[in-house]
Amino acid sequence: EVLVAESGGGSVQAGGSLRLSCATSGFTYVDDWSVAWFRQAPGKEREGISCISRPDGRTYLADSVQGRFAISTDNAKRTVYLQMNSLKPEDTAVYYCAAATKPTYYTTARDGYDLWGQGTQVTVSS
């Protein structure tokens, strides 16, 4: 069974931290493989905020989260993490993990990904 599943969301106060996890299984990683994090706030478009790519582990962080968020991967566990520090109320959104079963490298374009998780809510209060 193909699985892309997020966990770790929750409610925190501004300045707090959360770590999201994205567990993947049931499909073969291609050589140029990426996993990305997207988020969607109420009334807004879904935006890509981070990705990590094989084979070189190259990472991307959007300007809005640069310096506060970090993406990493445990290849043995096929899990990707998004460490979120110094959270702001504007970070409140549903966070989605997306993976690709086709060659995809260093992109947060939605059409680069064909497997999506159900999302996890992150709420940051002021």
N, C-alpha and C. Protein backbone atom coordinates (compact mmCIF):
# COMPACT_ATOMS: atom_id res chain seq x y z
N GLU A 1 0.84 -1.20 0.00
CA GLU A 1 0.00 0.00 0.00
C GLU A 1 0.88 1.24 0.00
N VAL A 2 0.55 2.16 -0.89
CA VAL A 2 1.28 3.42 -0.95
C VAL A 2 0.84 4.31 0.21
N LEU A 3 1.82 4.86 0.89
CA LEU A 3 1.52 5.69 2.05
C LEU A 3 2.37 6.93 2.05
N VAL A 4 1.72 8.07 2.21
CA VAL A 4 2.38 9.34 2.50
C VAL A 4 1.56 9.94 3.63
N ALA A 5 2.13 10.03 4.80
CA ALA A 5 1.35 10.41 5.97
C ALA A 5 2.10 11.41 6.83
N GLU A 6 1.45 12.53 7.08
CA GLU A 6 2.02 13.56 7.93
C GLU A 6 1.61 13.34 9.38
N SER A 7 2.45 13.80 10.27
CA SER A 7 2.12 13.81 11.69
C SER A 7 2.90 14.94 12.35
N GLY A 8 2.49 15.30 13.56
CA GLY A 8 3.24 16.28 14.33
C GLY A 8 2.62 17.66 14.40
N GLY A 9 1.50 17.86 13.72
CA GLY A 9 0.86 19.16 13.82
C GLY A 9 0.29 19.40 15.21
N GLY A 10 -0.18 20.62 15.42
CA GLY A 10 -0.76 20.94 16.71
C GLY A 10 -0.92 22.44 16.87
N SER A 11 -1.17 22.84 18.10
CA SER A 11 -1.36 24.25 18.43
C SER A 11 -0.23 24.72 19.34
N VAL A 12 0.36 25.84 18.97
CA VAL A 12 1.45 26.41 19.77
C VAL A 12 1.28 27.91 19.82
N GLN A 13 1.97 28.53 20.75
CA GLN A 13 2.00 29.98 20.81
C GLN A 13 3.11 30.50 19.91
N ALA A 14 2.97 31.73 19.52
CA ALA A 14 3.99 32.37 18.70
C ALA A 14 5.36 32.25 19.37
N GLY A 15 6.35 31.94 18.55
CA GLY A 15 7.69 31.72 19.06
C GLY A 15 8.00 30.27 19.38
N GLY A 16 6.98 29.45 19.37
CA GLY A 16 7.17 28.03 19.68
C GLY A 16 7.67 27.23 18.50
N SER A 17 7.80 25.93 18.72
CA SER A 17 8.34 25.03 17.71
C SER A 17 7.47 23.79 17.56
N LEU A 18 7.50 23.24 16.37
CA LEU A 18 6.89 21.95 16.08
C LEU A 18 7.78 21.22 15.09
N ARG A 19 7.72 19.90 15.11
CA ARG A 19 8.39 19.12 14.08
C ARG A 19 7.36 18.23 13.40
N LEU A 20 7.22 18.43 12.13
CA LEU A 20 6.33 17.60 11.33
C LEU A 20 7.12 16.44 10.74
N SER A 21 6.46 15.31 10.64
CA SER A 21 7.06 14.12 10.02
C SER A 21 6.21 13.70 8.84
N CYS A 22 6.88 13.18 7.83
CA CYS A 22 6.21 12.64 6.65
C CYS A 22 6.75 11.25 6.41
N ALA A 23 5.95 10.26 6.71
CA ALA A 23 6.34 8.87 6.51
C ALA A 23 5.89 8.41 5.13
N THR A 24 6.79 7.79 4.39
CA THR A 24 6.47 7.30 3.05
C THR A 24 6.78 5.81 2.95
N SER A 25 5.96 5.11 2.21
CA SER A 25 6.20 3.69 2.00
C SER A 25 5.37 3.20 0.83
N GLY A 26 5.70 2.01 0.36
CA GLY A 26 4.87 1.37 -0.65
C GLY A 26 5.16 1.75 -2.08
N PHE A 27 6.22 2.51 -2.31
CA PHE A 27 6.59 2.83 -3.68
C PHE A 27 8.11 2.92 -3.75
N THR A 28 8.60 2.78 -4.96
CA THR A 28 10.04 2.77 -5.18
C THR A 28 10.55 4.19 -5.40
N TYR A 29 11.61 4.53 -4.70
CA TYR A 29 12.21 5.84 -4.93
C TYR A 29 12.95 5.83 -6.25
N VAL A 30 12.73 6.82 -7.06
CA VAL A 30 13.52 6.97 -8.27
C VAL A 30 14.82 7.70 -7.92
N ASP A 31 15.78 7.70 -8.84
CA ASP A 31 17.07 8.29 -8.54
C ASP A 31 16.95 9.78 -8.22
N ASP A 32 16.24 10.51 -9.05
CA ASP A 32 15.98 11.92 -8.77
C ASP A 32 14.65 11.99 -8.05
N TRP A 33 14.71 11.98 -6.76
CA TRP A 33 13.51 11.83 -5.93
C TRP A 33 13.39 13.03 -5.01
N SER A 34 12.21 13.52 -4.87
CA SER A 34 11.99 14.67 -4.00
C SER A 34 10.77 14.45 -3.13
N VAL A 35 10.83 15.05 -1.98
CA VAL A 35 9.66 15.18 -1.11
C VAL A 35 9.55 16.65 -0.75
N ALA A 36 8.34 17.14 -0.75
CA ALA A 36 8.12 18.56 -0.51
C ALA A 36 7.06 18.77 0.56
N TRP A 37 7.13 19.91 1.18
CA TRP A 37 6.11 20.36 2.11
C TRP A 37 5.38 21.56 1.51
N PHE A 38 4.08 21.48 1.58
CA PHE A 38 3.22 22.56 1.14
C PHE A 38 2.36 22.97 2.33
N ARG A 39 1.78 24.15 2.24
CA ARG A 39 0.83 24.55 3.26
C ARG A 39 -0.28 25.36 2.61
N GLN A 40 -1.43 25.30 3.25
CA GLN A 40 -2.58 26.04 2.75
C GLN A 40 -3.32 26.66 3.91
N ALA A 41 -3.30 27.98 3.92
CA ALA A 41 -4.02 28.74 4.94
C ALA A 41 -5.45 28.98 4.44
N PRO A 42 -6.39 29.23 5.34
CA PRO A 42 -7.77 29.46 4.93
C PRO A 42 -7.88 30.59 3.91
N GLY A 43 -8.54 30.31 2.81
CA GLY A 43 -8.76 31.32 1.79
C GLY A 43 -7.57 31.61 0.91
N LYS A 44 -6.51 30.83 1.06
CA LYS A 44 -5.31 31.07 0.25
C LYS A 44 -4.96 29.84 -0.58
N GLU A 45 -4.13 30.08 -1.58
CA GLU A 45 -3.65 29.00 -2.42
C GLU A 45 -2.66 28.13 -1.64
N ARG A 46 -2.58 26.88 -2.04
CA ARG A 46 -1.58 25.99 -1.47
C ARG A 46 -0.21 26.42 -1.99
N GLU A 47 0.73 26.61 -1.08
CA GLU A 47 2.06 27.07 -1.46
C GLU A 47 3.11 26.05 -1.05
N GLY A 48 4.09 25.89 -1.91
CA GLY A 48 5.22 25.03 -1.58
C GLY A 48 6.22 25.80 -0.76
N ILE A 49 6.63 25.23 0.37
CA ILE A 49 7.54 25.96 1.25
C ILE A 49 8.90 25.29 1.40
N SER A 50 9.00 24.02 1.07
CA SER A 50 10.28 23.35 1.26
C SER A 50 10.31 22.06 0.47
N CYS A 51 11.50 21.67 0.05
CA CYS A 51 11.67 20.37 -0.57
C CYS A 51 13.09 19.86 -0.31
N ILE A 52 13.22 18.57 -0.43
CA ILE A 52 14.53 17.93 -0.32
C ILE A 52 14.64 16.90 -1.42
N SER A 53 15.77 16.83 -2.06
CA SER A 53 15.91 16.00 -3.26
C SER A 53 17.11 15.07 -3.16
N ARG A 54 16.94 13.89 -3.75
CA ARG A 54 18.07 12.99 -3.98
C ARG A 54 18.56 13.21 -5.39
N PRO A 55 19.78 12.81 -5.73
CA PRO A 55 20.67 12.05 -4.87
C PRO A 55 21.57 12.89 -3.96
N ASP A 56 21.53 14.20 -4.11
CA ASP A 56 22.52 15.01 -3.39
C ASP A 56 22.01 15.65 -2.11
N GLY A 57 20.73 15.43 -1.77
CA GLY A 57 20.20 15.99 -0.54
C GLY A 57 19.97 17.48 -0.59
N ARG A 58 19.93 18.03 -1.78
CA ARG A 58 19.72 19.47 -1.92
C ARG A 58 18.38 19.86 -1.31
N THR A 59 18.38 20.99 -0.61
CA THR A 59 17.16 21.45 0.05
C THR A 59 16.79 22.85 -0.41
N TYR A 60 15.50 23.12 -0.28
CA TYR A 60 14.97 24.44 -0.62
C TYR A 60 14.03 24.88 0.50
N LEU A 61 14.10 26.15 0.83
CA LEU A 61 13.16 26.75 1.77
C LEU A 61 12.68 28.07 1.19
N ALA A 62 11.40 28.27 1.21
CA ALA A 62 10.83 29.52 0.71
C ALA A 62 11.28 30.69 1.59
N ASP A 63 11.27 31.86 1.02
CA ASP A 63 11.69 33.05 1.76
C ASP A 63 10.89 33.22 3.05
N SER A 64 9.63 32.86 3.01
CA SER A 64 8.75 33.08 4.16
C SER A 64 9.13 32.23 5.37
N VAL A 65 9.90 31.16 5.15
CA VAL A 65 10.27 30.28 6.27
C VAL A 65 11.78 30.14 6.42
N GLN A 66 12.51 30.74 5.53
CA GLN A 66 13.98 30.68 5.57
C GLN A 66 14.48 31.21 6.91
N GLY A 67 15.39 30.47 7.51
CA GLY A 67 15.96 30.87 8.79
C GLY A 67 15.16 30.40 9.99
N ARG A 68 13.95 29.90 9.76
CA ARG A 68 13.11 29.42 10.87
C ARG A 68 12.78 27.93 10.73
N PHE A 69 12.64 27.46 9.53
CA PHE A 69 12.30 26.07 9.26
C PHE A 69 13.51 25.34 8.70
N ALA A 70 13.52 24.03 8.88
CA ALA A 70 14.57 23.19 8.29
C ALA A 70 13.96 21.87 7.86
N ILE A 71 14.41 21.37 6.73
CA ILE A 71 13.93 20.08 6.23
C ILE A 71 15.07 19.08 6.28
N SER A 72 14.73 17.86 6.64
CA SER A 72 15.74 16.81 6.70
C SER A 72 15.08 15.48 6.40
N THR A 73 15.91 14.47 6.21
CA THR A 73 15.36 13.16 5.88
C THR A 73 16.14 12.05 6.58
N ASP A 74 15.44 11.03 6.95
CA ASP A 74 16.03 9.80 7.43
C ASP A 74 15.75 8.77 6.34
N ASN A 75 16.74 8.54 5.50
CA ASN A 75 16.51 7.67 4.35
C ASN A 75 16.17 6.24 4.76
N ALA A 76 16.77 5.78 5.84
CA ALA A 76 16.50 4.42 6.28
C ALA A 76 15.03 4.26 6.67
N LYS A 77 14.46 5.30 7.24
CA LYS A 77 13.06 5.26 7.66
C LYS A 77 12.12 5.79 6.59
N ARG A 78 12.70 6.29 5.50
CA ARG A 78 11.89 6.90 4.44
C ARG A 78 10.95 7.94 5.02
N THR A 79 11.50 8.74 5.90
CA THR A 79 10.73 9.78 6.56
C THR A 79 11.42 11.12 6.36
N VAL A 80 10.61 12.12 6.08
CA VAL A 80 11.11 13.49 5.91
C VAL A 80 10.52 14.33 7.03
N TYR A 81 11.36 15.21 7.57
CA TYR A 81 10.97 16.03 8.69
C TYR A 81 10.97 17.51 8.31
N LEU A 82 10.10 18.26 8.93
CA LEU A 82 10.11 19.71 8.80
C LEU A 82 10.14 20.28 10.21
N GLN A 83 11.30 20.76 10.60
CA GLN A 83 11.46 21.40 11.91
C GLN A 83 11.06 22.86 11.78
N MET A 84 10.11 23.27 12.57
CA MET A 84 9.57 24.62 12.48
C MET A 84 9.83 25.34 13.80
N ASN A 85 10.66 26.35 13.74
CA ASN A 85 10.99 27.15 14.93
C ASN A 85 10.49 28.57 14.75
N SER A 86 10.45 29.30 15.85
CA SER A 86 10.03 30.70 15.82
C SER A 86 8.73 30.88 15.05
N LEU A 87 7.78 30.05 15.36
CA LEU A 87 6.52 30.06 14.62
C LEU A 87 5.77 31.37 14.81
N LYS A 88 5.10 31.78 13.75
CA LYS A 88 4.33 33.01 13.74
C LYS A 88 2.86 32.69 13.46
N PRO A 89 1.95 33.56 13.86
CA PRO A 89 0.54 33.32 13.55
C PRO A 89 0.30 33.12 12.05
N GLU A 90 1.07 33.78 11.22
CA GLU A 90 0.88 33.62 9.77
C GLU A 90 1.35 32.26 9.26
N ASP A 91 1.96 31.45 10.10
CA ASP A 91 2.31 30.08 9.73
C ASP A 91 1.12 29.13 9.89
N THR A 92 0.04 29.63 10.47
CA THR A 92 -1.15 28.79 10.66
C THR A 92 -1.68 28.32 9.31
N ALA A 93 -1.79 27.02 9.17
CA ALA A 93 -2.22 26.42 7.90
C ALA A 93 -2.33 24.92 8.08
N VAL A 94 -2.90 24.28 7.07
CA VAL A 94 -2.80 22.83 6.96
C VAL A 94 -1.53 22.54 6.17
N TYR A 95 -0.69 21.70 6.71
CA TYR A 95 0.59 21.36 6.09
C TYR A 95 0.49 20.00 5.43
N TYR A 96 0.91 19.94 4.18
CA TYR A 96 0.83 18.72 3.39
C TYR A 96 2.23 18.28 2.99
N CYS A 97 2.42 16.99 2.99
CA CYS A 97 3.63 16.38 2.46
C CYS A 97 3.29 15.79 1.10
N ALA A 98 4.22 15.91 0.16
CA ALA A 98 4.02 15.35 -1.17
C ALA A 98 5.28 14.65 -1.61
N ALA A 99 5.11 13.51 -2.27
CA ALA A 99 6.24 12.74 -2.78
C ALA A 99 6.02 12.45 -4.25
N ALA A 100 7.11 12.12 -4.93
CA ALA A 100 7.04 11.86 -6.36
C ALA A 100 7.49 10.44 -6.67
N THR A 101 6.74 9.77 -7.52
CA THR A 101 7.16 8.45 -8.02
C THR A 101 7.80 8.59 -9.39
N LYS A 102 7.97 9.79 -9.85
CA LYS A 102 8.62 10.07 -11.13
C LYS A 102 9.81 10.97 -10.83
N PRO A 103 10.76 11.05 -11.74
CA PRO A 103 11.92 11.91 -11.49
C PRO A 103 11.48 13.35 -11.25
N THR A 104 11.81 13.84 -10.10
CA THR A 104 11.47 15.21 -9.72
C THR A 104 12.62 15.74 -8.89
N TYR A 105 13.13 16.88 -9.25
CA TYR A 105 14.32 17.38 -8.57
C TYR A 105 14.16 18.85 -8.24
N TYR A 106 14.30 19.16 -6.95
CA TYR A 106 14.43 20.51 -6.45
C TYR A 106 13.30 21.42 -6.98
N THR A 107 12.08 21.03 -6.65
CA THR A 107 10.97 21.86 -7.07
C THR A 107 9.86 21.80 -6.04
N THR A 108 9.12 22.91 -5.92
CA THR A 108 7.89 22.91 -5.15
C THR A 108 6.69 23.17 -6.05
N ALA A 109 6.86 22.89 -7.32
CA ALA A 109 5.71 22.95 -8.23
C ALA A 109 4.79 21.78 -7.94
N ARG A 110 3.52 22.06 -7.79
CA ARG A 110 2.58 21.01 -7.40
C ARG A 110 2.54 19.87 -8.39
N ASP A 111 2.69 20.17 -9.68
CA ASP A 111 2.59 19.10 -10.67
C ASP A 111 3.83 18.20 -10.69
N GLY A 112 4.81 18.51 -9.86
CA GLY A 112 5.97 17.64 -9.75
C GLY A 112 5.73 16.46 -8.83
N TYR A 113 4.60 16.45 -8.15
CA TYR A 113 4.33 15.45 -7.11
C TYR A 113 3.01 14.76 -7.38
N ASP A 114 3.04 13.43 -7.20
CA ASP A 114 1.82 12.68 -7.48
C ASP A 114 1.29 11.91 -6.28
N LEU A 115 1.97 11.99 -5.15
CA LEU A 115 1.48 11.35 -3.94
C LEU A 115 1.37 12.41 -2.85
N TRP A 116 0.20 12.49 -2.25
CA TRP A 116 -0.05 13.53 -1.26
C TRP A 116 -0.59 12.92 0.02
N GLY A 117 -0.17 13.50 1.14
CA GLY A 117 -0.76 13.11 2.41
C GLY A 117 -2.06 13.84 2.64
N GLN A 118 -2.70 13.52 3.75
CA GLN A 118 -3.99 14.09 4.08
C GLN A 118 -3.87 15.47 4.73
N GLY A 119 -2.70 15.80 5.19
CA GLY A 119 -2.50 17.10 5.80
C GLY A 119 -2.56 17.05 7.31
N THR A 120 -1.86 17.98 7.94
CA THR A 120 -1.88 18.10 9.39
C THR A 120 -1.99 19.58 9.74
N GLN A 121 -2.86 19.89 10.67
CA GLN A 121 -3.14 21.28 11.03
C GLN A 121 -2.06 21.82 11.96
N VAL A 122 -1.60 23.01 11.63
CA VAL A 122 -0.70 23.76 12.51
C VAL A 122 -1.38 25.09 12.83
N THR A 123 -1.56 25.36 14.10
CA THR A 123 -2.19 26.60 14.54
C THR A 123 -1.26 27.32 15.49
N VAL A 124 -0.95 28.57 15.14
CA VAL A 124 -0.05 29.37 15.96
C VAL A 124 -0.83 30.57 16.50
N SER A 125 -0.90 30.68 17.79
CA SER A 125 -1.65 31.78 18.40
C SER A 125 -0.70 32.87 18.87
N SER A 126 -1.21 34.10 18.84
CA SER A 126 -0.38 35.24 19.22
C SER A 126 -0.43 35.49 20.72
